[in-house]
All heavy atoms as atom14 arrays in JSON, in Angstrom:
{
  "sequence": "GLSRARMNELTLHDRSHLRAEELYLIALAVDVKPCDLLEAMCGDLKLE",
  "atom14_mask": [
    [1, 1, 1, 1, 0, 0, 0, 0, 0, 0, 0, 0, 0, 0],
    [1, 1, 1, 1, 1, 1, 1, 1, 0, 0, 0, 0, 0, 0],
    [1, 1, 1, 1, 1, 1, 0, 0, 0, 0, 0, 0, 0, 0],
    [1, 1, 1, 1, 1, 1, 1, 1, 1, 1, 1, 0, 0, 0],
    [1, 1, 1, 1, 1, 0, 0, 0, 0, 0, 0, 0, 0, 0],
    [1, 1, 1, 1, 1, 1, 1, 1, 1, 1, 1, 0, 0, 0],
    [1, 1, 1, 1, 1, 1, 1, 1, 0, 0, 0, 0, 0, 0],
    [1, 1, 1, 1, 1, 1, 1, 1, 0, 0, 0, 0, 0, 0],
    [1, 1, 1, 1, 1, 1, 1, 1, 1, 0, 0, 0, 0, 0],
    [1, 1, 1, 1, 1, 1, 1, 1, 0, 0, 0, 0, 0, 0],
    [1, 1, 1, 1, 1, 1, 1, 0, 0, 0, 0, 0, 0, 0],
    [1, 1, 1, 1, 1, 1, 1, 1, 0, 0, 0, 0, 0, 0],
    [1, 1, 1, 1, 1, 1, 1, 1, 1, 1, 0, 0, 0, 0],
    [1, 1, 1, 1, 1, 1, 1, 1, 0, 0, 0, 0, 0, 0],
    [1, 1, 1, 1, 1, 1, 1, 1, 1, 1, 1, 0, 0, 0],
    [1, 1, 1, 1, 1, 1, 0, 0, 0, 0, 0, 0, 0, 0],
    [1, 1, 1, 1, 1, 1, 1, 1, 1, 1, 0, 0, 0, 0],
    [1, 1, 1, 1, 1, 1, 1, 1, 0, 0, 0, 0, 0, 0],
    [1, 1, 1, 1, 1, 1, 1, 1, 1, 1, 1, 0, 0, 0],
    [1, 1, 1, 1, 1, 0, 0, 0, 0, 0, 0, 0, 0, 0],
    [1, 1, 1, 1, 1, 1, 1, 1, 1, 0, 0, 0, 0, 0],
    [1, 1, 1, 1, 1, 1, 1, 1, 1, 0, 0, 0, 0, 0],
    [1, 1, 1, 1, 1, 1, 1, 1, 0, 0, 0, 0, 0, 0],
    [1, 1, 1, 1, 1, 1, 1, 1, 1, 1, 1, 1, 0, 0],
    [1, 1, 1, 1, 1, 1, 1, 1, 0, 0, 0, 0, 0, 0],
    [1, 1, 1, 1, 1, 1, 1, 1, 0, 0, 0, 0, 0, 0],
    [1, 1, 1, 1, 1, 0, 0, 0, 0, 0, 0, 0, 0, 0],
    [1, 1, 1, 1, 1, 1, 1, 1, 0, 0, 0, 0, 0, 0],
    [1, 1, 1, 1, 1, 0, 0, 0, 0, 0, 0, 0, 0, 0],
    [1, 1, 1, 1, 1, 1, 1, 0, 0, 0, 0, 0, 0, 0],
    [1, 1, 1, 1, 1, 1, 1, 1, 0, 0, 0, 0, 0, 0],
    [1, 1, 1, 1, 1, 1, 1, 0, 0, 0, 0, 0, 0, 0],
    [1, 1, 1, 1, 1, 1, 1, 1, 1, 0, 0, 0, 0, 0],
    [1, 1, 1, 1, 1, 1, 1, 0, 0, 0, 0, 0, 0, 0],
    [1, 1, 1, 1, 1, 1, 0, 0, 0, 0, 0, 0, 0, 0],
    [1, 1, 1, 1, 1, 1, 1, 1, 0, 0, 0, 0, 0, 0],
    [1, 1, 1, 1, 1, 1, 1, 1, 0, 0, 0, 0, 0, 0],
    [1, 1, 1, 1, 1, 1, 1, 1, 0, 0, 0, 0, 0, 0],
    [1, 1, 1, 1, 1, 1, 1, 1, 1, 0, 0, 0, 0, 0],
    [1, 1, 1, 1, 1, 0, 0, 0, 0, 0, 0, 0, 0, 0],
    [1, 1, 1, 1, 1, 1, 1, 1, 0, 0, 0, 0, 0, 0],
    [1, 1, 1, 1, 1, 1, 0, 0, 0, 0, 0, 0, 0, 0],
    [1, 1, 1, 1, 0, 0, 0, 0, 0, 0, 0, 0, 0, 0],
    [1, 1, 1, 1, 1, 1, 1, 1, 0, 0, 0, 0, 0, 0],
    [1, 1, 1, 1, 1, 1, 1, 1, 0, 0, 0, 0, 0, 0],
    [1, 1, 1, 1, 1, 1, 1, 1, 1, 0, 0, 0, 0, 0],
    [1, 1, 1, 1, 1, 1, 1, 1, 0, 0, 0, 0, 0, 0],
    [1, 1, 1, 1, 1, 1, 1, 1, 1, 0, 0, 0, 0, 0]
  ],
  "atom14_positions": [
    [[-11.84, 30.15, 61.1], [-12.67, 29.34, 61.99], [-12.77, 27.96, 61.63], [-13.46, 27.14, 62.25], [0.0, 0.0, 0.0], [0.0, 0.0, 0.0], [0.0, 0.0, 0.0], [0.0, 0.0, 0.0], [0.0, 0.0, 0.0], [0.0, 0.0, 0.0], [0.0, 0.0, 0.0], [0.0, 0.0, 0.0], [0.0, 0.0, 0.0], [0.0, 0.0, 0.0]],
    [[-12.12, 27.48, 60.49], [-12.07, 26.07, 60.2], [-11.09, 25.41, 61.1], [-10.15, 25.99, 61.52], [-11.6, 25.96, 58.71], [-12.46, 26.63, 57.63], [-11.8, 26.53, 56.26], [-13.86, 25.95, 57.56], [0.0, 0.0, 0.0], [0.0, 0.0, 0.0], [0.0, 0.0, 0.0], [0.0, 0.0, 0.0], [0.0, 0.0, 0.0], [0.0, 0.0, 0.0]],
    [[-11.36, 24.14, 61.31], [-10.44, 23.39, 62.2], [-9.16, 23.03, 61.37], [-9.15, 23.06, 60.19], [-11.06, 22.09, 62.7], [-11.26, 21.19, 61.6], [0.0, 0.0, 0.0], [0.0, 0.0, 0.0], [0.0, 0.0, 0.0], [0.0, 0.0, 0.0], [0.0, 0.0, 0.0], [0.0, 0.0, 0.0], [0.0, 0.0, 0.0], [0.0, 0.0, 0.0]],
    [[-8.09, 22.75, 62.16], [-6.88, 22.41, 61.49], [-7.05, 21.1, 60.77], [-6.47, 20.87, 59.7], [-5.69, 22.3, 62.43], [-5.2, 23.67, 62.88], [-3.95, 23.7, 63.66], [-4.22, 23.08, 64.91], [-3.32, 22.61, 65.8], [-2.06, 22.73, 65.53], [-3.64, 22.05, 66.92], [0.0, 0.0, 0.0], [0.0, 0.0, 0.0], [0.0, 0.0, 0.0]],
    [[-7.91, 20.2, 61.35], [-8.16, 18.96, 60.69], [-8.83, 19.17, 59.38], [-8.49, 18.43, 58.39], [-9.02, 18.08, 61.58], [0.0, 0.0, 0.0], [0.0, 0.0, 0.0], [0.0, 0.0, 0.0], [0.0, 0.0, 0.0], [0.0, 0.0, 0.0], [0.0, 0.0, 0.0], [0.0, 0.0, 0.0], [0.0, 0.0, 0.0], [0.0, 0.0, 0.0]],
    [[-9.81, 20.1, 59.27], [-10.51, 20.39, 57.98], [-9.57, 20.95, 57.04], [-9.59, 20.61, 55.83], [-11.68, 21.34, 58.28], [-12.46, 21.69, 57.07], [-13.14, 20.57, 56.4], [-13.82, 20.92, 55.23], [-14.23, 20.15, 54.19], [-13.78, 18.92, 54.21], [-14.88, 20.61, 53.23], [0.0, 0.0, 0.0], [0.0, 0.0, 0.0], [0.0, 0.0, 0.0]],
    [[-8.63, 21.87, 57.48], [-7.6, 22.41, 56.51], [-6.76, 21.34, 55.97], [-6.4, 21.39, 54.81], [-6.82, 23.56, 57.22], [-7.54, 24.8, 57.46], [-8.04, 25.63, 55.94], [-6.5, 25.9, 55.1], [0.0, 0.0, 0.0], [0.0, 0.0, 0.0], [0.0, 0.0, 0.0], [0.0, 0.0, 0.0], [0.0, 0.0, 0.0], [0.0, 0.0, 0.0]],
    [[-6.34, 20.47, 56.86], [-5.55, 19.35, 56.33], [-6.25, 18.42, 55.33], [-5.72, 18.07, 54.35], [-5.05, 18.43, 57.52], [-3.86, 19.11, 58.27], [-3.07, 19.85, 57.68], [-3.73, 18.73, 59.52], [0.0, 0.0, 0.0], [0.0, 0.0, 0.0], [0.0, 0.0, 0.0], [0.0, 0.0, 0.0], [0.0, 0.0, 0.0], [0.0, 0.0, 0.0]],
    [[-7.5, 18.22, 55.66], [-8.33, 17.46, 54.71], [-8.39, 18.12, 53.37], [-8.26, 17.53, 52.35], [-9.75, 17.19, 55.3], [-10.65, 16.39, 54.43], [-12.05, 16.23, 55.05], [-12.23, 16.41, 56.31], [-12.97, 16.03, 54.22], [0.0, 0.0, 0.0], [0.0, 0.0, 0.0], [0.0, 0.0, 0.0], [0.0, 0.0, 0.0], [0.0, 0.0, 0.0]],
    [[-8.72, 19.42, 53.35], [-8.85, 20.15, 52.09], [-7.53, 20.3, 51.38], [-7.58, 20.43, 50.12], [-9.34, 21.61, 52.41], [-10.88, 21.62, 52.94], [-11.19, 23.09, 53.4], [-11.76, 21.18, 51.88], [0.0, 0.0, 0.0], [0.0, 0.0, 0.0], [0.0, 0.0, 0.0], [0.0, 0.0, 0.0], [0.0, 0.0, 0.0], [0.0, 0.0, 0.0]],
    [[-6.44, 20.28, 52.04], [-5.12, 20.46, 51.32], [-4.42, 19.13, 51.0], [-3.5, 19.14, 50.17], [-4.21, 21.37, 52.21], [-4.0, 20.81, 53.41], [-4.81, 22.75, 52.26], [0.0, 0.0, 0.0], [0.0, 0.0, 0.0], [0.0, 0.0, 0.0], [0.0, 0.0, 0.0], [0.0, 0.0, 0.0], [0.0, 0.0, 0.0], [0.0, 0.0, 0.0]],
    [[-4.85, 18.05, 51.58], [-4.14, 16.82, 51.4], [-4.88, 15.68, 50.71], [-4.3, 14.83, 50.13], [-3.61, 16.27, 52.77], [-2.62, 17.16, 53.53], [-2.34, 16.59, 54.87], [-1.39, 17.42, 52.69], [0.0, 0.0, 0.0], [0.0, 0.0, 0.0], [0.0, 0.0, 0.0], [0.0, 0.0, 0.0], [0.0, 0.0, 0.0], [0.0, 0.0, 0.0]],
    [[-6.22, 15.64, 50.82], [-6.95, 14.57, 50.38], [-7.86, 15.06, 49.14], [-8.77, 15.81, 49.31], [-7.9, 14.04, 51.48], [-7.12, 13.6, 52.67], [-6.31, 12.52, 52.64], [-7.04, 14.15, 53.91], [-5.73, 12.37, 53.81], [-6.16, 13.39, 54.58], [0.0, 0.0, 0.0], [0.0, 0.0, 0.0], [0.0, 0.0, 0.0], [0.0, 0.0, 0.0]],
    [[-7.61, 14.44, 47.98], [-8.34, 14.81, 46.72], [-9.81, 14.42, 46.9], [-10.6, 15.09, 46.05], [-7.76, 14.05, 45.57], [-6.38, 14.59, 45.12], [-6.22, 15.81, 45.18], [-5.53, 13.82, 44.79], [0.0, 0.0, 0.0], [0.0, 0.0, 0.0], [0.0, 0.0, 0.0], [0.0, 0.0, 0.0], [0.0, 0.0, 0.0], [0.0, 0.0, 0.0]],
    [[-10.24, 13.5, 47.71], [-11.69, 13.26, 47.79], [-12.44, 14.3, 48.59], [-13.67, 14.24, 48.65], [-11.82, 11.84, 48.55], [-11.33, 10.7, 47.65], [-11.55, 9.4, 48.27], [-11.07, 9.49, 49.73], [-10.37, 8.52, 50.25], [-10.05, 7.48, 49.57], [-10.05, 8.73, 51.47], [0.0, 0.0, 0.0], [0.0, 0.0, 0.0], [0.0, 0.0, 0.0]],
    [[-11.73, 15.22, 49.32], [-12.47, 16.26, 50.03], [-13.1, 17.23, 49.06], [-12.58, 17.43, 48.0], [-11.51, 16.96, 51.02], [-10.51, 17.65, 50.24], [0.0, 0.0, 0.0], [0.0, 0.0, 0.0], [0.0, 0.0, 0.0], [0.0, 0.0, 0.0], [0.0, 0.0, 0.0], [0.0, 0.0, 0.0], [0.0, 0.0, 0.0], [0.0, 0.0, 0.0]],
    [[-14.16, 17.8, 49.46], [-14.86, 18.75, 48.67], [-14.87, 20.07, 49.32], [-15.39, 20.27, 50.47], [-16.32, 18.28, 48.35], [-16.37, 17.02, 47.62], [-16.18, 17.05, 46.22], [-16.63, 15.77, 47.95], [-16.29, 15.79, 45.75], [-16.49, 15.02, 46.8], [0.0, 0.0, 0.0], [0.0, 0.0, 0.0], [0.0, 0.0, 0.0], [0.0, 0.0, 0.0]],
    [[-14.25, 21.11, 48.61], [-14.26, 22.44, 49.13], [-15.55, 23.14, 48.95], [-15.98, 23.27, 47.8], [-13.12, 23.21, 48.43], [-12.86, 24.68, 48.78], [-12.47, 24.83, 50.23], [-11.8, 25.24, 47.87], [0.0, 0.0, 0.0], [0.0, 0.0, 0.0], [0.0, 0.0, 0.0], [0.0, 0.0, 0.0], [0.0, 0.0, 0.0], [0.0, 0.0, 0.0]],
    [[-16.17, 23.59, 50.03], [-17.48, 24.31, 49.93], [-17.19, 25.75, 49.58], [-16.2, 26.29, 49.84], [-18.24, 24.2, 51.24], [-18.66, 22.76, 51.57], [-19.55, 22.66, 52.72], [-18.95, 23.28, 53.96], [-18.41, 22.72, 55.01], [-18.45, 21.35, 55.02], [-17.97, 23.34, 56.0], [0.0, 0.0, 0.0], [0.0, 0.0, 0.0], [0.0, 0.0, 0.0]],
    [[-18.21, 26.4, 48.91], [-18.06, 27.77, 48.55], [-17.74, 28.65, 49.72], [-16.9, 29.58, 49.56], [-19.37, 28.27, 47.85], [0.0, 0.0, 0.0], [0.0, 0.0, 0.0], [0.0, 0.0, 0.0], [0.0, 0.0, 0.0], [0.0, 0.0, 0.0], [0.0, 0.0, 0.0], [0.0, 0.0, 0.0], [0.0, 0.0, 0.0], [0.0, 0.0, 0.0]],
    [[-18.4, 28.47, 50.82], [-18.16, 29.23, 52.02], [-16.71, 29.1, 52.46], [-16.08, 30.15, 52.83], [-19.14, 28.91, 53.13], [-20.5, 29.03, 52.87], [-21.24, 27.91, 52.21], [-20.48, 26.9, 51.97], [-22.39, 27.94, 51.85], [0.0, 0.0, 0.0], [0.0, 0.0, 0.0], [0.0, 0.0, 0.0], [0.0, 0.0, 0.0], [0.0, 0.0, 0.0]],
    [[-16.19, 27.96, 52.39], [-14.81, 27.7, 52.77], [-13.8, 28.4, 51.86], [-12.85, 29.06, 52.34], [-14.5, 26.16, 52.87], [-15.17, 25.5, 53.95], [-15.13, 23.99, 53.86], [-15.06, 23.43, 52.72], [-15.2, 23.34, 54.92], [0.0, 0.0, 0.0], [0.0, 0.0, 0.0], [0.0, 0.0, 0.0], [0.0, 0.0, 0.0], [0.0, 0.0, 0.0]],
    [[-14.15, 28.26, 50.59], [-13.23, 28.94, 49.59], [-13.23, 30.46, 49.87], [-12.2, 31.14, 49.78], [-13.71, 28.6, 48.18], [-12.92, 29.21, 47.1], [-12.79, 28.17, 45.89], [-13.55, 30.54, 46.55], [0.0, 0.0, 0.0], [0.0, 0.0, 0.0], [0.0, 0.0, 0.0], [0.0, 0.0, 0.0], [0.0, 0.0, 0.0], [0.0, 0.0, 0.0]],
    [[-14.43, 31.02, 50.09], [-14.5, 32.48, 50.23], [-13.75, 32.89, 51.51], [-12.89, 33.82, 51.48], [-16.02, 32.86, 50.42], [-16.17, 34.37, 50.38], [-16.22, 35.02, 49.21], [-16.29, 35.08, 51.57], [-16.4, 36.38, 49.17], [-16.43, 36.38, 51.54], [-16.57, 37.08, 50.33], [-16.71, 38.49, 50.26], [0.0, 0.0, 0.0], [0.0, 0.0, 0.0]],
    [[-13.88, 32.19, 52.6], [-13.09, 32.49, 53.83], [-11.62, 32.34, 53.66], [-10.85, 33.18, 54.18], [-13.59, 31.64, 54.97], [-15.07, 31.92, 55.48], [-15.51, 30.88, 56.49], [-15.16, 33.38, 56.09], [0.0, 0.0, 0.0], [0.0, 0.0, 0.0], [0.0, 0.0, 0.0], [0.0, 0.0, 0.0], [0.0, 0.0, 0.0], [0.0, 0.0, 0.0]],
    [[-11.22, 31.3, 53.01], [-9.8, 31.01, 52.76], [-9.2, 32.15, 51.92], [-8.1, 32.69, 52.17], [-9.6, 29.68, 52.19], [-9.92, 28.54, 53.25], [-8.11, 29.52, 51.71], [-9.94, 27.16, 52.64], [0.0, 0.0, 0.0], [0.0, 0.0, 0.0], [0.0, 0.0, 0.0], [0.0, 0.0, 0.0], [0.0, 0.0, 0.0], [0.0, 0.0, 0.0]],
    [[-9.87, 32.57, 50.94], [-9.46, 33.64, 50.11], [-9.25, 34.92, 50.88], [-8.28, 35.65, 50.82], [-10.42, 33.91, 48.88], [0.0, 0.0, 0.0], [0.0, 0.0, 0.0], [0.0, 0.0, 0.0], [0.0, 0.0, 0.0], [0.0, 0.0, 0.0], [0.0, 0.0, 0.0], [0.0, 0.0, 0.0], [0.0, 0.0, 0.0], [0.0, 0.0, 0.0]],
    [[-10.24, 35.24, 51.7], [-10.09, 36.44, 52.59], [-8.9, 36.32, 53.58], [-8.14, 37.28, 53.77], [-11.35, 36.67, 53.42], [-12.7, 37.0, 52.59], [-13.87, 37.11, 53.55], [-12.5, 38.26, 51.79], [0.0, 0.0, 0.0], [0.0, 0.0, 0.0], [0.0, 0.0, 0.0], [0.0, 0.0, 0.0], [0.0, 0.0, 0.0], [0.0, 0.0, 0.0]],
    [[-8.68, 35.15, 54.02], [-7.61, 34.86, 55.03], [-6.25, 35.02, 54.39], [-5.23, 35.43, 55.07], [-7.74, 33.47, 55.7], [0.0, 0.0, 0.0], [0.0, 0.0, 0.0], [0.0, 0.0, 0.0], [0.0, 0.0, 0.0], [0.0, 0.0, 0.0], [0.0, 0.0, 0.0], [0.0, 0.0, 0.0], [0.0, 0.0, 0.0], [0.0, 0.0, 0.0]],
    [[-6.14, 34.65, 53.11], [-4.77, 34.81, 52.4], [-4.66, 36.03, 51.59], [-3.77, 36.15, 50.84], [-4.44, 33.5, 51.62], [-4.41, 32.34, 52.52], [-5.4, 33.26, 50.53], [0.0, 0.0, 0.0], [0.0, 0.0, 0.0], [0.0, 0.0, 0.0], [0.0, 0.0, 0.0], [0.0, 0.0, 0.0], [0.0, 0.0, 0.0], [0.0, 0.0, 0.0]],
    [[-5.75, 36.93, 51.69], [-5.67, 38.22, 51.04], [-5.6, 38.16, 49.48], [-4.82, 38.71, 48.87], [-4.54, 39.07, 51.53], [-4.78, 40.57, 51.25], [-5.97, 40.98, 51.2], [-3.73, 41.28, 51.13], [0.0, 0.0, 0.0], [0.0, 0.0, 0.0], [0.0, 0.0, 0.0], [0.0, 0.0, 0.0], [0.0, 0.0, 0.0], [0.0, 0.0, 0.0]],
    [[-6.47, 37.24, 48.91], [-6.59, 37.14, 47.48], [-8.13, 37.28, 47.19], [-8.95, 37.08, 48.06], [-6.13, 35.85, 46.83], [-4.65, 35.72, 47.11], [-6.92, 34.65, 47.43], [0.0, 0.0, 0.0], [0.0, 0.0, 0.0], [0.0, 0.0, 0.0], [0.0, 0.0, 0.0], [0.0, 0.0, 0.0], [0.0, 0.0, 0.0], [0.0, 0.0, 0.0]],
    [[-8.44, 37.7, 46.01], [-9.86, 37.83, 45.53], [-10.42, 36.39, 45.47], [-9.81, 35.45, 44.89], [-9.96, 38.48, 44.17], [-9.53, 39.87, 44.24], [-9.68, 40.59, 42.82], [-9.31, 42.0, 42.91], [-9.25, 42.62, 41.55], [0.0, 0.0, 0.0], [0.0, 0.0, 0.0], [0.0, 0.0, 0.0], [0.0, 0.0, 0.0], [0.0, 0.0, 0.0]],
    [[-11.61, 36.18, 46.0], [-12.23, 34.88, 45.94], [-12.32, 34.34, 44.51], [-12.13, 33.15, 44.22], [-13.67, 35.11, 46.59], [-13.4, 36.22, 47.48], [-12.4, 37.14, 46.83], [0.0, 0.0, 0.0], [0.0, 0.0, 0.0], [0.0, 0.0, 0.0], [0.0, 0.0, 0.0], [0.0, 0.0, 0.0], [0.0, 0.0, 0.0], [0.0, 0.0, 0.0]],
    [[-12.6, 35.23, 43.58], [-12.64, 34.81, 42.1], [-11.32, 34.25, 41.61], [-11.26, 33.32, 40.95], [-13.1, 35.87, 41.22], [-14.79, 36.39, 41.52], [0.0, 0.0, 0.0], [0.0, 0.0, 0.0], [0.0, 0.0, 0.0], [0.0, 0.0, 0.0], [0.0, 0.0, 0.0], [0.0, 0.0, 0.0], [0.0, 0.0, 0.0], [0.0, 0.0, 0.0]],
    [[-10.19, 34.83, 42.07], [-8.93, 34.38, 41.76], [-8.64, 32.95, 42.3], [-8.07, 32.1, 41.62], [-7.75, 35.32, 42.15], [-7.82, 36.66, 41.42], [-8.47, 36.7, 40.37], [-7.2, 37.52, 41.96], [0.0, 0.0, 0.0], [0.0, 0.0, 0.0], [0.0, 0.0, 0.0], [0.0, 0.0, 0.0], [0.0, 0.0, 0.0], [0.0, 0.0, 0.0]],
    [[-9.07, 32.73, 43.58], [-8.91, 31.38, 44.13], [-9.7, 30.4, 43.46], [-9.27, 29.26, 43.16], [-9.14, 31.47, 45.68], [-8.93, 30.21, 46.45], [-7.61, 29.68, 46.29], [-9.31, 30.38, 47.86], [0.0, 0.0, 0.0], [0.0, 0.0, 0.0], [0.0, 0.0, 0.0], [0.0, 0.0, 0.0], [0.0, 0.0, 0.0], [0.0, 0.0, 0.0]],
    [[-11.0, 30.83, 43.14], [-11.89, 29.88, 42.36], [-11.25, 29.48, 41.04], [-11.26, 28.38, 40.6], [-13.19, 30.53, 42.24], [-14.29, 29.64, 41.49], [-14.63, 28.43, 42.21], [-15.51, 30.48, 41.24], [0.0, 0.0, 0.0], [0.0, 0.0, 0.0], [0.0, 0.0, 0.0], [0.0, 0.0, 0.0], [0.0, 0.0, 0.0], [0.0, 0.0, 0.0]],
    [[-10.68, 30.51, 40.33], [-10.01, 30.23, 39.01], [-8.88, 29.25, 39.23], [-8.66, 28.34, 38.37], [-9.55, 31.54, 38.43], [-8.86, 31.34, 37.09], [-9.74, 30.95, 35.92], [-10.93, 31.21, 36.08], [-9.3, 30.32, 35.05], [0.0, 0.0, 0.0], [0.0, 0.0, 0.0], [0.0, 0.0, 0.0], [0.0, 0.0, 0.0], [0.0, 0.0, 0.0]],
    [[-8.13, 29.41, 40.28], [-6.97, 28.51, 40.51], [-7.47, 27.02, 40.84], [-6.77, 26.1, 40.48], [-6.17, 29.04, 41.67], [0.0, 0.0, 0.0], [0.0, 0.0, 0.0], [0.0, 0.0, 0.0], [0.0, 0.0, 0.0], [0.0, 0.0, 0.0], [0.0, 0.0, 0.0], [0.0, 0.0, 0.0], [0.0, 0.0, 0.0], [0.0, 0.0, 0.0]],
    [[-8.6, 26.95, 41.54], [-9.12, 25.62, 41.86], [-9.84, 24.92, 40.75], [-9.78, 23.75, 40.63], [-10.06, 25.71, 43.08], [-9.44, 26.22, 44.43], [-8.11, 25.32, 44.95], [-6.74, 26.35, 44.48], [0.0, 0.0, 0.0], [0.0, 0.0, 0.0], [0.0, 0.0, 0.0], [0.0, 0.0, 0.0], [0.0, 0.0, 0.0], [0.0, 0.0, 0.0]],
    [[-10.55, 25.75, 39.96], [-11.47, 25.06, 38.94], [-11.18, 25.57, 37.5], [-11.95, 25.22, 36.55], [-12.89, 25.52, 39.31], [-13.37, 24.96, 40.95], [0.0, 0.0, 0.0], [0.0, 0.0, 0.0], [0.0, 0.0, 0.0], [0.0, 0.0, 0.0], [0.0, 0.0, 0.0], [0.0, 0.0, 0.0], [0.0, 0.0, 0.0], [0.0, 0.0, 0.0]],
    [[-10.13, 26.26, 37.23], [-9.86, 26.85, 35.88], [-9.71, 25.84, 34.88], [-9.84, 26.17, 33.73], [0.0, 0.0, 0.0], [0.0, 0.0, 0.0], [0.0, 0.0, 0.0], [0.0, 0.0, 0.0], [0.0, 0.0, 0.0], [0.0, 0.0, 0.0], [0.0, 0.0, 0.0], [0.0, 0.0, 0.0], [0.0, 0.0, 0.0], [0.0, 0.0, 0.0]],
    [[-9.32, 24.56, 35.17], [-9.19, 23.58, 34.21], [-10.45, 22.83, 33.8], [-10.49, 22.04, 32.87], [-8.13, 22.57, 34.7], [-8.62, 21.83, 35.98], [-9.43, 22.43, 36.72], [-8.15, 20.7, 36.19], [0.0, 0.0, 0.0], [0.0, 0.0, 0.0], [0.0, 0.0, 0.0], [0.0, 0.0, 0.0], [0.0, 0.0, 0.0], [0.0, 0.0, 0.0]],
    [[-11.52, 23.21, 34.45], [-12.91, 22.57, 34.04], [-13.46, 23.13, 32.75], [-13.24, 24.32, 32.56], [-13.83, 22.72, 35.2], [-13.52, 22.15, 36.53], [-14.57, 22.51, 37.54], [-13.38, 20.6, 36.41], [0.0, 0.0, 0.0], [0.0, 0.0, 0.0], [0.0, 0.0, 0.0], [0.0, 0.0, 0.0], [0.0, 0.0, 0.0], [0.0, 0.0, 0.0]],
    [[-13.94, 22.28, 31.9], [-14.5, 22.71, 30.65], [-15.84, 22.08, 30.46], [-16.08, 20.98, 30.93], [-13.59, 22.35, 29.46], [-12.15, 22.79, 29.57], [-12.06, 24.3, 29.37], [-10.69, 24.79, 29.51], [-10.48, 26.04, 30.11], [0.0, 0.0, 0.0], [0.0, 0.0, 0.0], [0.0, 0.0, 0.0], [0.0, 0.0, 0.0], [0.0, 0.0, 0.0]],
    [[-16.73, 22.79, 29.7], [-18.03, 22.23, 29.39], [-17.89, 21.17, 28.29], [-17.0, 21.34, 27.44], [-18.96, 23.38, 28.86], [-19.43, 24.42, 29.84], [-20.21, 25.48, 29.15], [-20.22, 23.82, 30.95], [0.0, 0.0, 0.0], [0.0, 0.0, 0.0], [0.0, 0.0, 0.0], [0.0, 0.0, 0.0], [0.0, 0.0, 0.0], [0.0, 0.0, 0.0]],
    [[-18.69, 20.11, 28.4], [-18.78, 19.07, 27.41], [-19.46, 19.64, 26.12], [-20.46, 20.42, 26.29], [-19.44, 17.86, 27.91], [-18.75, 17.19, 29.04], [-19.4, 15.87, 29.43], [-20.15, 15.32, 28.63], [-19.19, 15.46, 30.54], [0.0, 0.0, 0.0], [0.0, 0.0, 0.0], [0.0, 0.0, 0.0], [0.0, 0.0, 0.0], [0.0, 0.0, 0.0]]
  ]
}
């Protein structure tokens, strides 16, 4: 239900911010576990 423009923004522009709801829906749409997609997007983040 996301627009093609929003998908382009999320996949092409680093300044775009992926919302949790969007991540969850995208994971369902591509048949992966939401946790796996979250790990792929944010796995390089570390606590200071």
